[in-house]
Amino acid sequence: MPEPIYLDYAATTPVDPLVLAKMQECLLAEGNFGNPASSTHVFGWRASEAVEEARAELAELIGADPREIVWTSGATESDNLAIKGVVEASGQRHAHIVTSRIEHKAVIDSCKYLESVGHRVTWLAPDADGLVTARQVENAVRDDTALVSIMYANNEIGTVNDIAGISEACARRGVPLHVDAAQMVGKLPIDVSAVKIDLMSISGHKLYGPKGIGALYVRRAAVKPRPQIHGGGHEFGLRSGTLATHQIVGLGEAARIARAQLSSEVNRLKRLRDDFLHRLRVLDGVRMNGSEDNRLPALVNLSFEGVDGETLINAMTGIAVSNGSACTSASVEPSYVLSELGLADELAFGSVRFSFGRFNEAGDAAAAASEVLRVVRALRST
């Protein structure tokens, strides 16, 4: 049986071969295996140089200063460091946080933890298109607000928030803004120098880098979160631990490739997605979840009336997809994101996320659509 077409790039991406080649150079004795913190010999100097080159590449991708990039183990750790770190650094016993009900679990659970120890959280509801507006954020901010945390692009439905407007609202009120950009970095242009984001979470395995590596962008002189991991004072004192040179170099190379290909890849992936959707128009009872206009170029979440999403996924032998976030795929409850959009449980359970990526070919959209049509029609006829 041939391998199915992979359409779950929102869950994770395969490592780009150029990234792998760079990483391999940092593992063996004849390569760049040294500890970047070893300052007394050439092996450490070389590793440190490689780490800083990668830091510069990632900074260039998002329009930051390299000194504003803090290496972490991934976006989940970055979210925790940003949210808990800023609230703890505020010195308030009962600080106020503004976030939304459809954030990634790493943000939601961090905020719930802070609620459990006495802090206050305002949970904003998205509109019917799955978007949180700048007006909502500004109206929710109070004098004791220590942080606003709103995601750039939603991991389940692919909607893209107006972070420029939200950042302006936060700046007017003098409140730092954290943005989970795990699904956004490398997918659409980001310039943190133009859009005044104060902290931004980044994931390596969402942009063809390795798993287990990420970063937190921290705007210089704007905010300094309290460290959540203590040790040798690495990463400007914000995140202790021996740096994983091979993973950092991999993320740096992934950032370099993403920057070089960004414009052409956005257009190519949008064509694939639109071709896929066009071919499904012959099918009745299909709903796109989230805004049709403000969305990532490669991700679409669809609900199929009269069809259970899990059954549909299991019956499609030719494509690999998911019914939402990989972090909640074991849940038997309907997606909390879709429920917040007002979808009935039947439609929420009937939803499937399709996400295209770098290694999809032109014919994959047609093949995937054909398989969806075949299975949905079969399931509806039983």
Protein backbone atom coordinates (compact mmCIF):
# COMPACT_ATOMS: atom_id res chain seq x y z
CA MET A 1 0.00 0.00 0.00
CA PRO A 2 1.47 3.39 -0.94
CA GLU A 3 2.11 6.03 1.69
CA PRO A 4 -0.88 8.34 2.17
CA ILE A 5 -0.62 11.97 1.12
CA TYR A 6 0.41 13.97 4.18
CA LEU A 7 -2.00 16.85 4.81
CA ASP A 8 -1.33 17.43 8.51
CA TYR A 9 1.45 20.01 8.33
CA ALA A 10 -0.24 22.03 11.08
CA ALA A 11 0.51 19.17 13.49
CA THR A 12 4.17 18.88 12.52
CA THR A 13 6.41 19.23 9.50
CA PRO A 14 9.15 16.90 8.26
CA VAL A 15 12.66 18.23 8.69
CA ASP A 16 13.94 19.82 5.50
CA PRO A 17 16.93 17.88 4.09
CA LEU A 18 19.07 21.04 4.21
CA VAL A 19 18.19 21.39 7.89
CA LEU A 20 19.18 17.78 8.58
CA ALA A 21 22.52 18.28 6.87
CA LYS A 22 23.27 21.28 9.08
CA MET A 23 22.27 19.41 12.21
CA GLN A 24 24.47 16.42 11.41
CA GLU A 25 27.50 18.68 11.38
CA CYS A 26 26.99 19.32 15.10
CA LEU A 27 26.83 15.79 16.48
CA LEU A 28 30.02 13.79 15.92
CA ALA A 29 33.59 14.19 17.19
CA GLU A 30 34.80 15.42 13.81
CA GLY A 31 31.99 17.99 13.74
CA ASN A 32 30.85 20.96 15.80
CA PHE A 33 29.90 19.00 18.94
CA GLY A 34 31.22 21.37 21.63
CA ASN A 35 29.31 22.99 24.45
CA PRO A 36 28.48 26.58 23.45
CA ALA A 37 29.09 27.66 27.06
CA SER A 38 32.69 26.34 27.03
CA SER A 39 34.65 29.57 26.70
CA THR A 40 38.18 28.20 27.14
CA HIS A 41 38.74 26.35 23.87
CA VAL A 42 37.99 26.32 20.17
CA PHE A 43 35.32 23.60 20.36
CA GLY A 44 33.15 25.80 22.56
CA TRP A 45 33.89 28.90 20.48
CA ARG A 46 32.79 27.16 17.29
CA ALA A 47 29.57 25.89 18.88
CA SER A 48 28.82 29.32 20.30
CA GLU A 49 29.38 30.90 16.89
CA ALA A 50 26.97 28.42 15.30
CA VAL A 51 24.34 29.20 17.94
CA GLU A 52 24.68 32.93 17.34
CA GLU A 53 24.46 32.51 13.56
CA ALA A 54 21.22 30.61 14.05
CA ARG A 55 19.97 33.29 16.43
CA ALA A 56 20.63 35.89 13.74
CA GLU A 57 18.78 33.85 11.09
CA LEU A 58 15.67 33.49 13.24
CA ALA A 59 15.79 37.16 14.20
CA GLU A 60 16.02 38.11 10.52
CA LEU A 61 12.93 36.06 9.72
CA ILE A 62 10.78 37.98 12.21
CA GLY A 63 12.45 41.42 12.05
CA ALA A 64 14.03 41.23 15.50
CA ASP A 65 17.40 41.97 17.06
CA PRO A 66 19.30 38.70 17.66
CA ARG A 67 19.66 39.67 21.32
CA GLU A 68 15.87 39.40 21.58
CA ILE A 69 15.81 35.67 20.75
CA VAL A 70 15.78 33.27 23.72
CA TRP A 71 16.15 29.57 22.92
CA THR A 72 13.62 27.19 24.52
CA SER A 73 12.49 23.61 24.01
CA GLY A 74 9.48 24.68 21.95
CA ALA A 75 6.44 26.93 21.85
CA THR A 76 4.86 25.30 24.91
CA GLU A 77 7.83 26.27 27.06
CA SER A 78 7.93 29.70 25.43
CA ASP A 79 4.26 30.24 26.28
CA ASN A 80 4.87 29.23 29.89
CA LEU A 81 7.95 31.44 30.22
CA ALA A 82 6.15 34.43 28.71
CA ILE A 83 2.88 34.17 30.62
CA LYS A 84 4.01 32.96 34.02
CA GLY A 85 7.26 34.89 33.78
CA VAL A 86 5.67 38.27 33.07
CA VAL A 87 2.93 37.88 35.65
CA GLU A 88 5.43 36.83 38.32
CA ALA A 89 7.76 39.67 37.37
CA SER A 90 4.91 42.17 37.78
CA GLY A 91 5.06 41.68 41.54
CA GLN A 92 1.25 41.72 41.80
CA ARG A 93 -0.41 39.21 44.10
CA HIS A 94 -3.60 39.34 42.04
CA ALA A 95 -2.51 40.37 38.56
CA HIS A 96 -4.95 40.52 35.66
CA ILE A 97 -4.44 38.70 32.34
CA VAL A 98 -6.41 38.99 29.11
CA THR A 99 -6.53 36.05 26.72
CA SER A 100 -9.05 34.22 24.53
CA ARG A 101 -11.03 31.03 24.85
CA ILE A 102 -9.53 29.52 21.69
CA GLU A 103 -5.83 29.82 22.46
CA HIS A 104 -3.48 26.86 22.31
CA LYS A 105 -3.66 24.63 25.39
CA ALA A 106 -0.21 25.83 26.49
CA VAL A 107 -1.64 29.33 26.87
CA ILE A 108 -4.98 28.27 28.31
CA ASP A 109 -3.47 25.94 30.90
CA SER A 110 -0.82 28.47 31.91
CA CYS A 111 -3.55 31.04 32.51
CA LYS A 112 -5.67 28.51 34.40
CA TYR A 113 -2.69 27.73 36.61
CA LEU A 114 -2.26 31.43 37.37
CA GLU A 115 -5.98 31.64 38.18
CA SER A 116 -5.55 28.78 40.64
CA VAL A 117 -2.94 30.74 42.60
CA GLY A 118 -4.97 33.92 42.87
CA HIS A 119 -4.52 35.86 39.64
CA ARG A 120 -7.46 37.03 37.49
CA VAL A 121 -8.10 36.13 33.86
CA THR A 122 -10.53 37.66 31.37
CA TRP A 123 -11.41 35.04 28.76
CA LEU A 124 -12.42 36.71 25.48
CA ALA A 125 -14.88 34.92 23.21
CA PRO A 126 -14.08 34.91 19.48
CA ASP A 127 -16.58 36.13 16.94
CA ALA A 128 -18.34 33.72 14.58
CA ASP A 129 -15.32 33.86 12.25
CA GLY A 130 -12.96 32.73 15.00
CA LEU A 131 -11.31 36.12 15.45
CA VAL A 132 -10.51 38.25 18.48
CA THR A 133 -10.67 41.99 17.82
CA ALA A 134 -8.55 44.87 19.04
CA ARG A 135 -11.65 46.53 20.50
CA GLN A 136 -12.37 43.44 22.61
CA VAL A 137 -8.83 43.48 23.95
CA GLU A 138 -8.79 47.20 24.71
CA ASN A 139 -12.15 47.02 26.47
CA ALA A 140 -10.92 44.12 28.61
CA VAL A 141 -7.69 45.78 29.76
CA ARG A 142 -7.74 47.18 33.32
CA ASP A 143 -5.36 49.19 35.44
CA ASP A 144 -4.04 45.98 37.01
CA THR A 145 -3.60 44.10 33.71
CA ALA A 146 -0.12 42.58 33.63
CA LEU A 147 -0.31 40.84 30.24
CA VAL A 148 -2.40 40.26 27.13
CA SER A 149 -1.84 36.93 25.35
CA ILE A 150 -3.52 36.45 21.95
CA MET A 151 -2.39 33.98 19.28
CA TYR A 152 -1.37 35.11 15.81
CA ALA A 153 -2.92 32.19 13.90
CA ASN A 154 -5.23 29.53 15.29
CA ASN A 155 -3.84 26.02 15.16
CA GLU A 156 -7.19 24.32 14.51
CA ILE A 157 -9.01 26.61 12.09
CA GLY A 158 -6.15 28.69 10.66
CA THR A 159 -7.68 32.11 11.28
CA VAL A 160 -5.23 35.02 11.60
CA ASN A 161 -5.94 37.71 14.19
CA ASP A 162 -5.37 41.43 13.69
CA ILE A 163 -2.24 41.47 15.83
CA ALA A 164 -1.24 44.89 14.50
CA GLY A 165 -4.48 46.37 15.82
CA ILE A 166 -4.28 44.42 19.06
CA SER A 167 -0.70 45.54 19.61
CA GLU A 168 -1.72 49.18 19.15
CA ALA A 169 -4.51 48.73 21.67
CA CYS A 170 -2.07 47.23 24.18
CA ALA A 171 0.45 50.01 23.58
CA ARG A 172 -2.20 52.67 24.23
CA ARG A 173 -2.92 51.06 27.58
CA GLY A 174 0.73 50.38 28.39
CA VAL A 175 0.23 46.61 28.70
CA PRO A 176 2.72 44.05 27.29
CA LEU A 177 1.46 41.75 24.53
CA HIS A 178 2.43 38.09 24.18
CA VAL A 179 1.64 36.31 20.92
CA ASP A 180 1.76 32.57 20.31
CA ALA A 181 3.03 32.48 16.72
CA ALA A 182 3.80 28.75 16.43
CA GLN A 183 1.51 28.42 13.39
CA MET A 184 2.45 31.77 11.88
CA VAL A 185 6.24 32.00 11.76
CA GLY A 186 7.48 30.96 8.33
CA LYS A 187 3.93 30.80 6.94
CA LEU A 188 3.21 34.51 6.50
CA PRO A 189 5.42 37.60 6.90
CA ILE A 190 6.04 38.82 10.45
CA ASP A 191 7.89 41.99 11.44
CA VAL A 192 8.00 42.52 15.19
CA SER A 193 9.71 45.88 14.70
CA ALA A 194 6.68 47.16 12.80
CA VAL A 195 4.02 45.34 14.83
CA LYS A 196 4.85 46.10 18.46
CA ILE A 197 4.75 42.62 19.91
CA ASP A 198 6.54 42.34 23.26
CA LEU A 199 6.88 38.55 23.49
CA MET A 200 6.33 35.92 20.80
CA SER A 201 6.49 32.12 20.97
CA ILE A 202 8.08 30.15 18.12
CA SER A 203 8.19 26.41 17.39
CA GLY A 204 10.89 24.70 15.33
CA HIS A 205 8.91 21.69 14.16
CA LYS A 206 6.17 23.84 12.63
CA LEU A 207 8.57 25.30 10.03
CA TYR A 208 10.57 22.25 8.88
CA GLY A 209 13.01 22.31 11.77
CA PRO A 210 13.47 19.64 14.44
CA LYS A 211 11.18 18.90 17.35
CA GLY A 212 12.32 19.88 20.82
CA ILE A 213 13.51 23.37 19.93
CA GLY A 214 11.79 26.73 19.88
CA ALA A 215 12.31 30.30 20.93
CA LEU A 216 10.75 33.18 22.76
CA TYR A 217 11.16 36.63 21.27
CA VAL A 218 11.45 39.19 24.09
CA ARG A 219 11.49 42.86 23.10
CA ARG A 220 14.52 44.56 24.60
CA ALA A 221 13.89 47.14 27.30
CA ALA A 222 10.14 46.42 27.16
CA VAL A 223 9.65 43.49 29.50
CA LYS A 224 11.74 40.85 31.25
CA PRO A 225 9.89 37.71 32.36
CA ARG A 226 10.96 35.91 35.50
CA PRO A 227 12.87 32.70 34.60
CA GLN A 228 10.98 29.43 35.00
CA ILE A 229 14.09 27.20 34.72
CA HIS A 230 17.01 28.01 36.98
CA GLY A 231 20.61 26.92 36.63
CA GLY A 232 23.64 28.44 34.98
CA GLY A 233 22.00 31.66 33.84
CA HIS A 234 22.09 30.85 30.12
CA GLU A 235 20.12 32.80 27.51
CA PHE A 236 20.50 36.26 29.02
CA GLY A 237 19.53 34.83 32.39
CA LEU A 238 16.05 33.86 31.15
CA ARG A 239 16.41 30.14 30.42
CA SER A 240 19.14 28.01 31.98
CA GLY A 241 20.40 24.77 30.47
CA THR A 242 23.10 23.55 28.10
CA LEU A 243 22.15 24.66 24.60
CA ALA A 244 21.30 21.91 22.10
CA THR A 245 23.58 23.15 19.32
CA HIS A 246 22.33 20.74 16.66
CA GLN A 247 18.67 21.63 17.25
CA ILE A 248 19.37 25.36 17.40
CA VAL A 249 21.40 25.20 14.18
CA GLY A 250 18.51 23.26 12.62
CA LEU A 251 15.99 25.93 13.57
CA GLY A 252 18.32 28.64 12.27
CA GLU A 253 18.61 26.90 8.92
CA ALA A 254 14.85 26.35 8.80
CA ALA A 255 14.38 30.08 9.38
CA ARG A 256 16.84 30.91 6.59
CA ILE A 257 15.00 28.65 4.13
CA ALA A 258 11.60 29.98 5.16
CA ARG A 259 12.73 33.57 4.61
CA ALA A 260 14.14 32.76 1.17
CA GLN A 261 11.01 30.94 0.01
CA LEU A 262 8.28 32.80 1.88
CA SER A 263 6.65 34.76 -0.92
CA SER A 264 6.63 31.97 -3.50
CA GLU A 265 5.59 29.34 -0.95
CA VAL A 266 2.64 31.38 0.27
CA ASN A 267 1.30 31.64 -3.27
CA ARG A 268 1.95 27.97 -4.08
CA LEU A 269 0.23 26.68 -0.94
CA LYS A 270 -2.74 28.97 -1.41
CA ARG A 271 -3.19 27.59 -4.93
CA LEU A 272 -3.13 24.03 -3.56
CA ARG A 273 -5.66 24.86 -0.86
CA ASP A 274 -7.98 26.70 -3.26
CA ASP A 275 -7.79 23.87 -5.79
CA PHE A 276 -8.72 21.41 -3.05
CA LEU A 277 -11.70 23.52 -1.94
CA HIS A 278 -12.85 24.09 -5.53
CA ARG A 279 -13.03 20.35 -6.13
CA LEU A 280 -15.19 19.88 -3.03
CA ARG A 281 -17.82 22.36 -4.20
CA VAL A 282 -19.82 19.56 -5.82
CA LEU A 283 -20.49 18.22 -2.32
CA ASP A 284 -23.43 19.59 -0.35
CA GLY A 285 -23.34 20.19 3.38
CA VAL A 286 -19.72 21.31 3.69
CA ARG A 287 -18.90 24.21 6.01
CA MET A 288 -15.58 26.05 6.30
CA ASN A 289 -14.90 26.88 9.92
CA GLY A 290 -13.44 30.31 10.57
CA SER A 291 -12.94 33.39 8.45
CA GLU A 292 -12.58 32.78 4.72
CA ASP A 293 -10.37 35.85 4.27
CA ASN A 294 -8.22 36.18 7.41
CA ARG A 295 -6.51 32.82 7.41
CA LEU A 296 -3.31 30.94 6.78
CA PRO A 297 -2.69 30.08 3.13
CA ALA A 298 -2.37 26.32 3.67
CA LEU A 299 -4.87 25.37 6.38
CA VAL A 300 -8.60 24.79 6.21
CA ASN A 301 -10.99 23.24 8.72
CA LEU A 302 -14.15 21.74 7.23
CA SER A 303 -17.29 20.25 8.76
CA PHE A 304 -19.26 17.66 6.80
CA GLU A 305 -22.94 17.41 7.65
CA GLY A 306 -24.12 13.94 8.55
CA VAL A 307 -20.59 12.54 8.82
CA ASP A 308 -18.54 11.89 11.94
CA GLY A 309 -15.09 13.39 11.54
CA GLU A 310 -13.27 10.51 13.23
CA THR A 311 -15.04 7.99 11.02
CA LEU A 312 -14.22 10.03 7.96
CA ILE A 313 -10.54 10.25 8.88
CA ASN A 314 -10.28 6.52 9.54
CA ALA A 315 -12.06 5.65 6.30
CA MET A 316 -9.79 7.76 4.10
CA THR A 317 -6.92 5.45 3.18
CA GLY A 318 -5.19 7.85 0.83
CA ILE A 319 -4.61 10.96 2.96
CA ALA A 320 -3.29 11.69 6.44
CA VAL A 321 -5.26 14.44 8.20
CA SER A 322 -6.51 15.25 11.70
CA ASN A 323 -9.64 16.51 13.41
CA GLY A 324 -7.89 19.41 15.12
CA SER A 325 -4.94 20.10 17.37
CA ALA A 326 -2.51 17.24 17.88
CA CYS A 327 -2.34 18.31 21.54
CA THR A 328 -6.02 17.42 22.06
CA SER A 329 -6.50 14.62 19.52
CA ALA A 330 -7.07 12.00 22.26
CA SER A 331 -10.10 13.87 23.61
CA VAL A 332 -13.59 12.48 23.00
CA GLU A 333 -15.13 15.92 23.50
CA PRO A 334 -15.89 18.18 20.54
CA SER A 335 -13.20 20.73 19.74
CA TYR A 336 -13.34 23.57 22.26
CA VAL A 337 -12.32 25.93 19.45
CA LEU A 338 -15.28 24.96 17.26
CA SER A 339 -17.64 24.95 20.22
CA GLU A 340 -16.62 28.55 20.97
CA LEU A 341 -17.50 29.45 17.38
CA GLY A 342 -21.05 28.28 18.11
CA LEU A 343 -20.98 25.04 16.13
CA ALA A 344 -23.41 22.36 17.23
CA ASP A 345 -21.75 19.20 18.53
CA GLU A 346 -22.78 17.31 15.39
CA LEU A 347 -20.88 19.70 13.13
CA ALA A 348 -17.97 19.99 15.55
CA PHE A 349 -17.60 16.21 15.63
CA GLY A 350 -17.82 16.21 11.84
CA SER A 351 -14.84 18.54 11.39
CA VAL A 352 -11.53 17.71 9.73
CA ARG A 353 -8.39 19.86 9.47
CA PHE A 354 -6.51 19.79 6.16
CA SER A 355 -3.11 21.51 6.08
CA PHE A 356 -0.78 21.57 3.07
CA GLY A 357 2.98 22.05 3.18
CA ARG A 358 6.34 22.28 1.46
CA PHE A 359 6.51 18.72 0.18
CA ASN A 360 3.00 18.50 -1.23
CA GLU A 361 2.89 18.34 -5.02
CA ALA A 362 0.44 19.86 -7.48
CA GLY A 363 -1.57 16.65 -7.84
CA ASP A 364 -2.07 16.18 -4.10
CA ALA A 365 -5.02 18.57 -3.91
CA ALA A 366 -6.91 16.69 -6.62
CA ALA A 367 -6.10 13.27 -5.12
CA ALA A 368 -7.12 14.39 -1.63
CA ALA A 369 -10.38 15.93 -2.83
CA SER A 370 -11.22 12.77 -4.75
CA GLU A 371 -10.74 10.66 -1.64
CA VAL A 372 -12.85 13.00 0.49
CA LEU A 373 -15.66 12.92 -2.07
CA ARG A 374 -15.54 9.13 -2.27
CA VAL A 375 -15.64 8.56 1.48
CA VAL A 376 -18.20 11.23 2.37
CA ARG A 377 -20.60 9.96 -0.28
CA ALA A 378 -20.14 6.39 0.92
CA LEU A 379 -20.72 7.30 4.54
CA ARG A 380 -23.81 9.34 3.74
CA SER A 381 -25.32 6.50 1.73
CA THR A 382 -25.16 4.00 4.60
